[in-house]
C-alpha cells in the first residue's frame, strides 16, 4: 500500500515562509482560495508550499 504523507502548517508558519503577515495569509484564504483544511478546531494549510 502506498501511503502519502501530508504536512500541515499554521497561518503564522505560512506567513513566515512567504514573508507576509499572518492576517494577509488569512485574507488570501478567504478571498483568493488559498487551499486549507479544517481538522477539529484548527484550520491549516497543507504542504503545497514545497
PDB file of N, CA and C in Angstrom:
ATOM      1  N   UNK A   1       0.837  -1.172   0.000  1.00  0.00           N
ATOM      2  CA  UNK A   1       0.000   0.000   0.000  1.00  0.00           C
ATOM      3  C   UNK A   1       0.889   1.244   0.000  1.00  0.00           C
ATOM      4  N   UNK A   2       0.563   2.213  -0.843  1.00  0.00           N
ATOM      5  CA  UNK A   2       1.335   3.447  -0.952  1.00  0.00           C
ATOM      6  C   UNK A   2       0.661   4.545  -0.134  1.00  0.00           C
ATOM      7  N   UNK A   3       1.286   4.945   0.950  1.00  0.00           N
ATOM      8  CA  UNK A   3       0.737   5.998   1.798  1.00  0.00           C
ATOM      9  C   UNK A   3       1.439   7.316   1.492  1.00  0.00           C
ATOM     10  N   UNK A   4       0.672   8.385   1.426  1.00  0.00           N
ATOM     11  CA  UNK A   4       1.223   9.711   1.174  1.00  0.00           C
ATOM     12  C   UNK A   4       1.201  10.504   2.465  1.00  0.00           C
ATOM     13  N   UNK A   5       2.293  11.142   2.776  1.00  0.00           N
ATOM     14  CA  UNK A   5       2.414  11.960   3.979  1.00  0.00           C
ATOM     15  C   UNK A   5       2.185  13.415   3.605  1.00  0.00           C
ATOM     16  N   UNK A   6       1.233  14.068   4.264  1.00  0.00           N
ATOM     17  CA  UNK A   6       0.955  15.477   4.025  1.00  0.00           C
ATOM     18  C   UNK A   6       1.171  16.227   5.335  1.00  0.00           C
ATOM     19  N   UNK A   7       1.989  17.247   5.290  1.00  0.00           N
ATOM     20  CA  UNK A   7       2.262  18.058   6.469  1.00  0.00           C
ATOM     21  C   UNK A   7       1.397  19.315   6.422  1.00  0.00           C
ATOM     22  N   UNK A   8       0.864  19.718   7.552  1.00  0.00           N
ATOM     23  CA  UNK A   8       0.043  20.916   7.637  1.00  0.00           C
ATOM     24  C   UNK A   8       0.773  21.998   8.407  1.00  0.00           C
ATOM     25  N   UNK A   9       0.523  23.254   8.025  1.00  0.00           N
ATOM     26  CA  UNK A   9       1.167  24.401   8.644  1.00  0.00           C
ATOM     27  C   UNK A   9       0.112  25.345   9.204  1.00  0.00           C
ATOM     28  N   UNK A  10       0.462  26.032  10.270  1.00  0.00           N
ATOM     29  CA  UNK A  10      -0.392  27.083  10.817  1.00  0.00           C
ATOM     30  C   UNK A  10      -0.197  28.351   9.990  1.00  0.00           C
ATOM     31  N   UNK A  11      -1.154  29.266  10.090  1.00  0.00           N
ATOM     32  CA  UNK A  11      -1.084  30.511   9.341  1.00  0.00           C
ATOM     33  C   UNK A  11       0.201  31.287   9.576  1.00  0.00           C
ATOM     34  N   UNK A  12       0.685  31.295  10.803  1.00  0.00           N
ATOM     35  CA  UNK A  12       1.916  32.016  11.135  1.00  0.00           C
ATOM     36  C   UNK A  12       3.121  31.392  10.427  1.00  0.00           C
ATOM     37  N   UNK A  13       3.155  30.077  10.330  1.00  0.00           N
ATOM     38  CA  UNK A  13       4.255  29.397   9.647  1.00  0.00           C
ATOM     39  C   UNK A  13       4.239  29.709   8.153  1.00  0.00           C
ATOM     40  N   UNK A  14       3.048  29.718   7.565  1.00  0.00           N
ATOM     41  CA  UNK A  14       2.918  30.049   6.143  1.00  0.00           C
ATOM     42  C   UNK A  14       3.369  31.491   5.916  1.00  0.00           C
ATOM     43  N   UNK A  15       2.939  32.397   6.785  1.00  0.00           N
ATOM     44  CA  UNK A  15       3.315  33.805   6.658  1.00  0.00           C
ATOM     45  C   UNK A  15       4.827  33.977   6.723  1.00  0.00           C
ATOM     46  N   UNK A  16       5.468  33.315   7.660  1.00  0.00           N
ATOM     47  CA  UNK A  16       6.924  33.409   7.799  1.00  0.00           C
ATOM     48  C   UNK A  16       7.607  32.884   6.537  1.00  0.00           C
ATOM     49  N   UNK A  17       7.125  31.775   6.005  1.00  0.00           N
ATOM     50  CA  UNK A  17       7.715  31.167   4.807  1.00  0.00           C
ATOM     51  C   UNK A  17       7.586  32.084   3.587  1.00  0.00           C
ATOM     52  N   UNK A  18       6.451  32.787   3.480  1.00  0.00           N
ATOM     53  CA  UNK A  18       6.197  33.653   2.326  1.00  0.00           C
ATOM     54  C   UNK A  18       6.644  35.101   2.529  1.00  0.00           C
ATOM     55  N   UNK A  19       7.082  35.430   3.748  1.00  0.00           N
ATOM     56  CA  UNK A  19       7.499  36.802   4.031  1.00  0.00           C
ATOM     57  C   UNK A  19       6.320  37.757   4.113  1.00  0.00           C
ATOM     58  N   UNK A  20       5.197  37.270   4.605  1.00  0.00           N
ATOM     59  CA  UNK A  20       3.987  38.083   4.741  1.00  0.00           C
ATOM     60  C   UNK A  20       3.566  38.069   6.209  1.00  0.00           C
ATOM     61  N   UNK A  21       2.545  38.843   6.529  1.00  0.00           N
ATOM     62  CA  UNK A  21       1.999  38.808   7.887  1.00  0.00           C
ATOM     63  C   UNK A  21       0.843  37.813   7.931  1.00  0.00           C
ATOM     64  N   UNK A  22       0.547  37.327   9.126  1.00  0.00           N
ATOM     65  CA  UNK A  22      -0.477  36.296   9.301  1.00  0.00           C
ATOM     66  C   UNK A  22      -1.837  36.742   8.767  1.00  0.00           C
ATOM     67  N   UNK A  23      -2.218  37.988   8.996  1.00  0.00           N
ATOM     68  CA  UNK A  23      -3.516  38.483   8.524  1.00  0.00           C
ATOM     69  C   UNK A  23      -3.622  38.411   7.004  1.00  0.00           C
ATOM     70  N   UNK A  24      -2.524  38.638   6.306  1.00  0.00           N
ATOM     71  CA  UNK A  24      -2.523  38.545   4.841  1.00  0.00           C
ATOM     72  C   UNK A  24      -2.782  37.117   4.397  1.00  0.00           C
ATOM     73  N   UNK A  25      -2.193  36.154   5.064  1.00  0.00           N
ATOM     74  CA  UNK A  25      -2.412  34.745   4.733  1.00  0.00           C
ATOM     75  C   UNK A  25      -3.888  34.389   4.921  1.00  0.00           C
ATOM     76  N   UNK A  26      -4.492  34.860   6.004  1.00  0.00           N
ATOM     77  CA  UNK A  26      -5.909  34.585   6.251  1.00  0.00           C
ATOM     78  C   UNK A  26      -6.790  35.264   5.197  1.00  0.00           C
ATOM     79  N   UNK A  27      -6.390  36.462   4.770  1.00  0.00           N
ATOM     80  CA  UNK A  27      -7.140  37.151   3.704  1.00  0.00           C
ATOM     81  C   UNK A  27      -7.049  36.371   2.396  1.00  0.00           C
ATOM     82  N   UNK A  28      -5.860  35.855   2.075  1.00  0.00           N
ATOM     83  CA  UNK A  28      -5.692  35.042   0.867  1.00  0.00           C
ATOM     84  C   UNK A  28      -6.591  33.814   0.936  1.00  0.00           C
ATOM     85  N   UNK A  29      -6.674  33.225   2.120  1.00  0.00           N
ATOM     86  CA  UNK A  29      -7.517  32.040   2.299  1.00  0.00           C
ATOM     87  C   UNK A  29      -8.981  32.377   2.010  1.00  0.00           C
ATOM     88  N   UNK A  30      -9.432  33.504   2.512  1.00  0.00           N
ATOM     89  CA  UNK A  30     -10.833  33.881   2.362  1.00  0.00           C
ATOM     90  C   UNK A  30     -11.163  34.385   0.965  1.00  0.00           C
ATOM     91  N   UNK A  31     -10.301  35.201   0.382  1.00  0.00           N
ATOM     92  CA  UNK A  31     -10.629  35.893  -0.869  1.00  0.00           C
ATOM     93  C   UNK A  31     -10.106  35.216  -2.120  1.00  0.00           C
ATOM     94  N   UNK A  32      -8.978  34.565  -2.013  1.00  0.00           N
ATOM     95  CA  UNK A  32      -8.330  34.041  -3.218  1.00  0.00           C
ATOM     96  C   UNK A  32      -8.282  32.520  -3.271  1.00  0.00           C
ATOM     97  N   UNK A  33      -8.877  31.865  -2.293  1.00  0.00           N
ATOM     98  CA  UNK A  33      -8.951  30.418  -2.341  1.00  0.00           C
ATOM     99  C   UNK A  33      -7.667  29.684  -2.014  1.00  0.00           C
ATOM    100  N   UNK A  34      -6.850  30.229  -1.123  1.00  0.00           N
ATOM    101  CA  UNK A  34      -5.661  29.501  -0.676  1.00  0.00           C
ATOM    102  C   UNK A  34      -6.120  28.167  -0.084  1.00  0.00           C
ATOM    103  N   UNK A  35      -5.591  27.045  -0.560  1.00  0.00           N
ATOM    104  CA  UNK A  35      -6.082  25.743  -0.096  1.00  0.00           C
ATOM    105  C   UNK A  35      -5.836  25.530   1.393  1.00  0.00           C
ATOM    106  N   UNK A  36      -6.893  25.266   2.127  1.00  0.00           N
ATOM    107  CA  UNK A  36      -6.793  24.978   3.561  1.00  0.00           C
ATOM    108  C   UNK A  36      -7.681  23.789   3.893  1.00  0.00           C
ATOM    109  N   UNK A  37      -7.420  23.203   5.036  1.00  0.00           N
ATOM    110  CA  UNK A  37      -8.213  22.081   5.524  1.00  0.00           C
ATOM    111  C   UNK A  37      -8.472  22.298   7.002  1.00  0.00           C
ATOM    112  N   UNK A  38      -9.690  22.070   7.433  1.00  0.00           N
ATOM    113  CA  UNK A  38     -10.020  22.208   8.847  1.00  0.00           C
ATOM    114  C   UNK A  38      -9.989  20.830   9.487  1.00  0.00           C
ATOM    115  N   UNK A  39      -9.204  20.737  10.547  1.00  0.00           N
ATOM    116  CA  UNK A  39      -9.089  19.489  11.297  1.00  0.00           C
ATOM    117  C   UNK A  39      -9.436  19.819  12.744  1.00  0.00           C
ATOM    118  N   UNK A  40     -10.579  19.381  13.193  1.00  0.00           N
ATOM    119  CA  UNK A  40     -11.030  19.746  14.535  1.00  0.00           C
ATOM    120  C   UNK A  40     -11.282  21.233  14.590  1.00  0.00           C
ATOM    121  N   UNK A  41     -10.647  21.905  15.533  1.00  0.00           N
ATOM    122  CA  UNK A  41     -10.811  23.348  15.639  1.00  0.00           C
ATOM    123  C   UNK A  41      -9.694  24.112  14.952  1.00  0.00           C
ATOM    124  N   UNK A  42      -8.766  23.391  14.357  1.00  0.00           N
ATOM    125  CA  UNK A  42      -7.607  24.023  13.727  1.00  0.00           C
ATOM    126  C   UNK A  42      -7.790  24.053  12.215  1.00  0.00           C
ATOM    127  N   UNK A  43      -7.533  25.209  11.627  1.00  0.00           N
ATOM    128  CA  UNK A  43      -7.572  25.329  10.177  1.00  0.00           C
ATOM    129  C   UNK A  43      -6.138  25.511   9.728  1.00  0.00           C
ATOM    130  N   UNK A  44      -5.638  24.619   8.907  1.00  0.00           N
ATOM    131  CA  UNK A  44      -4.246  24.687   8.493  1.00  0.00           C
ATOM    132  C   UNK A  44      -4.078  24.598   6.992  1.00  0.00           C
ATOM    133  N   UNK A  45      -2.935  25.041   6.540  1.00  0.00           N
ATOM    134  CA  UNK A  45      -2.588  24.969   5.127  1.00  0.00           C
ATOM    135  C   UNK A  45      -1.750  23.733   4.916  1.00  0.00           C
ATOM    136  N   UNK A  46      -2.077  22.970   3.888  1.00  0.00           N
ATOM    137  CA  UNK A  46      -1.317  21.746   3.654  1.00  0.00           C
ATOM    138  C   UNK A  46       0.009  22.056   2.978  1.00  0.00           C
ATOM    139  N   UNK A  47       0.785  21.057   2.778  1.00  0.00           N
ATOM    140  CA  UNK A  47       2.169  21.249   2.327  1.00  0.00           C
ATOM    141  C   UNK A  47       2.278  21.519   0.837  1.00  0.00           C
ATOM    142  N   UNK A  48       1.439  22.365   0.299  1.00  0.00           N
ATOM    143  CA  UNK A  48       1.599  22.802  -1.081  1.00  0.00           C
ATOM    144  C   UNK A  48       2.797  23.733  -1.188  1.00  0.00           C
ATOM    145  N   UNK A  49       3.330  24.179  -0.067  1.00  0.00           N
ATOM    146  CA  UNK A  49       4.469  25.105  -0.049  1.00  0.00           C
ATOM    147  C   UNK A  49       5.757  24.293   0.036  1.00  0.00           C
ATOM    148  N   UNK A  50       6.193  23.763  -1.050  1.00  0.00           N
ATOM    149  CA  UNK A  50       7.413  22.943  -1.032  1.00  0.00           C
ATOM    150  C   UNK A  50       8.583  23.716  -1.545  1.00  0.00           C
TER     151      UNK A  50
END
